[in-house]
Amino acid sequence: MEIADFVAPAMVVIGLRAKDKHQLLDEIARRAATALALEPAAILEPLLAREALGSTGVGRGIAIPHARIAGLPRLFGLLARLERPVDFTAIDDQLVDLVCLLLTPASAVAEHLPALACLSRRLREKGVADRLRAARDSAALYAALTHAQNSGAQNPGAQN
């Protein structure tokens, strides 16, 4: 599995504005809902329920909010670089400025953990977070997220 399998180039946002964790989750849920033709609450409520179990702020300024969504037709991802970092109650208490949303169909139990592991591995790779933070536009941000996976082949829609 590759990140390009579930994060499309159009689902990359630079300069997302949010004053706090709840507003951030609300904004990414709204954007995902628009892209997926779902109601925002159908995404926000499971995200908030997951956050109630423990923060998905994984450290080093990165959060990977994720949830299983009823009625979702396929895996879906969205990457956002925030205009200003927010307190996400991350495990290392650092503010978060990079957020990668992962939504999986409620029925796709076998896909959830591999997709989450794929994202987590990529975001932990040396230099990836720095390249995400340095990207000048959404194409460069997408390329920094998806480049050099497996064979290192270019992903459709990514521009260098």
Protein backbone atom coordinates (compact mmCIF):
# COMPACT_ATOMS: atom_id res chain seq x y z
CA MET A 1 0.00 0.00 0.00
CA GLU A 2 1.20 3.48 -0.86
CA ILE A 3 0.04 6.87 0.39
CA ALA A 4 -0.88 7.86 -3.17
CA ASP A 5 -3.50 5.09 -3.03
CA PHE A 6 -5.57 7.17 -0.62
CA VAL A 7 -4.27 10.76 -0.66
CA ALA A 8 -5.01 12.55 -3.93
CA PRO A 9 -3.03 15.63 -4.99
CA ALA A 10 -6.21 17.72 -4.63
CA MET A 11 -6.40 16.73 -0.95
CA VAL A 12 -3.30 18.66 0.08
CA VAL A 13 -3.75 21.99 1.84
CA ILE A 14 -1.11 24.61 2.66
CA GLY A 15 -1.85 27.36 5.17
CA LEU A 16 -4.87 25.80 6.85
CA ARG A 17 -6.12 28.10 9.59
CA ALA A 18 -7.34 26.81 12.93
CA LYS A 19 -7.19 28.33 16.38
CA ASP A 20 -7.32 25.02 18.26
CA LYS A 21 -7.61 21.25 17.93
CA HIS A 22 -11.41 21.19 17.71
CA GLN A 23 -11.52 23.83 15.00
CA LEU A 24 -8.79 21.96 13.11
CA LEU A 25 -10.71 18.68 13.26
CA ASP A 26 -13.88 20.49 12.23
CA GLU A 27 -12.13 22.06 9.22
CA ILE A 28 -10.54 18.85 7.94
CA ALA A 29 -13.83 16.98 8.49
CA ARG A 30 -15.65 19.64 6.46
CA ARG A 31 -13.12 19.43 3.62
CA ALA A 32 -13.22 15.64 3.61
CA ALA A 33 -17.02 15.65 3.68
CA THR A 34 -17.14 17.95 0.66
CA ALA A 35 -14.75 15.70 -1.28
CA LEU A 36 -16.65 12.56 -0.31
CA ALA A 37 -20.22 13.94 -0.59
CA LEU A 38 -20.91 13.12 3.07
CA GLU A 39 -22.25 15.21 5.93
CA PRO A 40 -19.43 16.82 7.96
CA ALA A 41 -20.87 15.41 11.20
CA ALA A 42 -20.50 11.88 9.80
CA ILE A 43 -16.75 12.49 9.83
CA LEU A 44 -16.28 14.89 12.74
CA GLU A 45 -18.11 12.78 15.32
CA PRO A 46 -15.96 9.64 14.77
CA LEU A 47 -12.82 11.80 14.76
CA LEU A 48 -13.78 13.38 18.09
CA ALA A 49 -14.66 9.95 19.52
CA ARG A 50 -11.22 8.66 18.49
CA GLU A 51 -9.50 11.70 20.02
CA ALA A 52 -11.40 11.09 23.26
CA LEU A 53 -9.54 7.77 23.51
CA GLY A 54 -6.18 9.55 23.28
CA SER A 55 -4.56 12.15 21.10
CA THR A 56 -3.48 11.21 17.60
CA GLY A 57 -0.73 13.82 17.91
CA VAL A 58 2.21 11.47 17.34
CA GLY A 59 5.00 13.92 18.14
CA ARG A 60 7.44 16.21 16.33
CA GLY A 61 4.60 18.53 15.28
CA ILE A 62 2.65 15.80 13.49
CA ALA A 63 -0.89 14.49 14.01
CA ILE A 64 -2.61 11.62 12.23
CA PRO A 65 -6.29 11.88 13.13
CA HIS A 66 -8.09 8.79 11.91
CA ALA A 67 -11.45 7.09 12.09
CA ARG A 68 -13.63 4.45 10.52
CA ILE A 69 -16.60 6.02 8.77
CA ALA A 70 -19.92 4.35 8.03
CA GLY A 71 -20.88 4.74 4.38
CA LEU A 72 -17.39 5.71 3.25
CA PRO A 73 -16.79 4.12 -0.18
CA ARG A 74 -12.97 3.92 0.00
CA LEU A 75 -9.86 4.86 1.96
CA PHE A 76 -9.43 8.62 2.07
CA GLY A 77 -6.58 10.85 3.16
CA LEU A 78 -5.97 14.58 3.43
CA LEU A 79 -2.70 16.34 4.26
CA ALA A 80 -2.71 19.83 5.76
CA ARG A 81 0.12 22.11 6.75
CA LEU A 82 -1.19 24.68 9.20
CA GLU A 83 -0.63 28.38 8.95
CA ARG A 84 0.14 28.40 12.68
CA PRO A 85 0.72 25.37 14.93
CA VAL A 86 -2.00 24.40 17.41
CA ASP A 87 -2.05 22.50 20.67
CA PHE A 88 -3.15 18.99 19.75
CA THR A 89 -2.30 17.42 23.14
CA ALA A 90 0.41 15.46 21.32
CA ILE A 91 2.40 12.78 23.10
CA ASP A 92 5.47 15.04 23.25
CA ASP A 93 3.46 18.20 24.13
CA GLN A 94 4.72 19.95 20.98
CA LEU A 95 2.36 22.06 18.92
CA VAL A 96 1.15 20.45 15.68
CA ASP A 97 1.61 22.00 12.25
CA LEU A 98 1.34 18.91 10.01
CA VAL A 99 -1.87 16.91 9.95
CA CYS A 100 -2.59 13.84 7.88
CA LEU A 101 -6.20 12.71 8.09
CA LEU A 102 -7.00 9.06 7.41
CA LEU A 103 -10.55 7.82 6.97
CA THR A 104 -11.41 4.20 6.31
CA PRO A 105 -14.73 2.55 5.55
CA ALA A 106 -16.26 1.08 8.70
CA SER A 107 -16.39 -2.30 6.97
CA ALA A 108 -12.72 -2.22 5.86
CA VAL A 109 -11.17 -3.44 9.09
CA ALA A 110 -8.22 -5.07 7.30
CA GLU A 111 -7.26 -1.83 5.49
CA HIS A 112 -7.22 0.55 8.46
CA LEU A 113 -4.03 -0.56 10.21
CA PRO A 114 -1.90 -1.01 7.06
CA ALA A 115 -2.90 2.48 5.84
CA LEU A 116 -2.18 4.00 9.25
CA ALA A 117 1.17 2.20 9.40
CA CYS A 118 2.04 3.40 5.89
CA LEU A 119 1.41 7.03 6.88
CA SER A 120 3.20 6.69 10.19
CA ARG A 121 6.30 5.11 8.62
CA ARG A 122 6.52 7.80 5.95
CA LEU A 123 6.10 10.67 8.41
CA ARG A 124 8.82 9.21 10.67
CA GLU A 125 11.34 8.92 7.83
CA LYS A 126 14.36 11.14 8.25
CA GLY A 127 13.84 14.53 6.62
CA VAL A 128 10.24 14.02 5.49
CA ALA A 129 8.74 16.43 8.03
CA ASP A 130 11.37 19.03 7.11
CA ARG A 131 10.51 18.66 3.41
CA LEU A 132 6.80 18.95 4.19
CA ARG A 133 7.41 22.13 6.14
CA ALA A 134 9.65 23.59 3.41
CA ALA A 135 7.34 22.83 0.48
CA ARG A 136 6.46 26.00 -1.42
CA ASP A 137 3.18 24.78 -2.91
CA SER A 138 0.70 21.93 -2.71
CA ALA A 139 2.40 19.97 -5.53
CA ALA A 140 5.70 20.05 -3.64
CA LEU A 141 3.92 19.13 -0.41
CA TYR A 142 2.27 16.15 -2.12
CA ALA A 143 5.57 15.07 -3.63
CA ALA A 144 7.29 15.28 -0.24
CA LEU A 145 4.60 13.03 1.24
CA THR A 146 4.47 10.47 -1.56
CA HIS A 147 7.94 10.48 -3.18
CA ALA A 148 10.41 7.66 -2.63
CA GLN A 149 7.88 5.09 -1.54
CA ASN A 150 8.67 1.56 -2.67
CA SER A 151 10.46 1.99 -6.03
CA GLY A 152 10.51 5.77 -5.79
CA ALA A 153 8.30 6.08 -8.86
CA GLN A 154 6.49 9.33 -9.50
CA ASN A 155 2.90 9.41 -8.39
CA PRO A 156 0.19 10.56 -10.79
CA GLY A 157 -0.66 14.18 -10.30
CA ALA A 158 2.48 15.07 -8.40
CA GLN A 159 4.63 17.79 -9.86
CA ASN A 160 8.24 18.46 -9.01
